[in-house]
Amino acid sequence: MNQTLTMPRELDHRESDGVSVTLLWYEDSDRVTIHVVDSDTGEEFDLEVAGRDALDAFRHPYAYILPAAA
């Protein structure tokens, strides 16, 4: 079986105080992710979120990070 992977579609992007946040949609799987890059610390991460939470997660990505297990 031949499977084609599609590139995500950028729905929105913003930058503030060295933090870059991009809202991405993967049409083939209907997934939504938030890509965050902090240029000051070099930290970079992706969050997969429910479509209904996409705009809130885009505005407040750090609120969607799960705390580390103790």
Protein backbone atom coordinates (compact mmCIF):
# COMPACT_ATOMS: atom_id res chain seq x y z
CA MET A 1 0.00 0.00 0.00
CA ASN A 2 1.32 3.42 -0.94
CA GLN A 3 0.70 6.06 1.71
CA THR A 4 1.13 9.77 1.03
CA LEU A 5 1.92 12.08 3.90
CA THR A 6 0.75 15.63 3.55
CA MET A 7 2.43 18.68 4.98
CA PRO A 8 0.51 20.56 7.64
CA ARG A 9 -1.36 23.71 6.74
CA GLU A 10 -0.37 26.76 8.78
CA LEU A 11 -3.57 28.31 10.10
CA ASP A 12 -2.00 31.05 12.20
CA HIS A 13 1.35 32.26 13.52
CA ARG A 14 2.46 34.79 16.10
CA GLU A 15 5.67 35.92 17.77
CA SER A 16 6.15 37.79 21.02
CA ASP A 17 9.07 38.22 23.43
CA GLY A 18 11.17 35.60 21.65
CA VAL A 19 8.39 32.98 21.59
CA SER A 20 7.07 31.79 18.24
CA VAL A 21 3.70 29.95 18.18
CA THR A 22 2.29 28.26 15.08
CA LEU A 23 -1.14 26.64 14.70
CA LEU A 24 -0.99 23.71 12.27
CA TRP A 25 -3.69 21.48 10.75
CA TYR A 26 -2.97 18.07 9.21
CA GLU A 27 -5.73 17.57 6.66
CA ASP A 28 -5.06 13.85 6.05
CA SER A 29 -5.59 12.96 9.72
CA ASP A 30 -7.63 16.03 10.79
CA ARG A 31 -5.14 16.64 13.63
CA VAL A 32 -4.37 20.06 15.07
CA THR A 33 -1.04 20.89 16.69
CA ILE A 34 0.60 23.90 18.23
CA HIS A 35 4.34 24.31 17.54
CA VAL A 36 6.18 26.51 20.07
CA VAL A 37 9.76 27.77 19.84
CA ASP A 38 11.40 29.87 22.56
CA SER A 39 14.42 31.52 20.95
CA ASP A 40 15.77 32.67 24.33
CA THR A 41 16.00 29.19 25.88
CA GLY A 42 16.16 27.11 22.71
CA GLU A 43 13.18 25.07 23.94
CA GLU A 44 10.88 23.74 21.23
CA PHE A 45 7.79 21.54 21.53
CA ASP A 46 4.60 20.43 19.82
CA LEU A 47 1.19 20.00 21.39
CA GLU A 48 -1.62 18.00 19.84
CA VAL A 49 -4.96 19.53 20.82
CA ALA A 50 -8.61 18.89 20.10
CA GLY A 51 -9.97 21.07 17.33
CA ARG A 52 -12.39 22.74 19.76
CA ASP A 53 -9.38 23.85 21.88
CA ALA A 54 -7.17 25.00 19.00
CA LEU A 55 -7.64 28.75 19.30
CA ASP A 56 -7.30 28.75 23.09
CA ALA A 57 -4.17 26.56 22.91
CA PHE A 58 -2.74 28.87 20.24
CA ARG A 59 -3.26 31.86 22.55
CA HIS A 60 -2.09 30.07 25.73
CA PRO A 61 0.13 27.09 24.77
CA TYR A 62 1.86 26.81 28.14
CA ALA A 63 -1.51 26.17 29.81
CA TYR A 64 -1.80 22.96 27.76
CA ILE A 65 1.47 21.41 28.89
CA LEU A 66 0.80 18.45 31.17
CA PRO A 67 2.74 18.49 34.43
CA ALA A 68 5.51 15.90 34.68
CA ALA A 69 4.72 12.78 36.68
CA ALA A 70 6.18 12.83 40.16
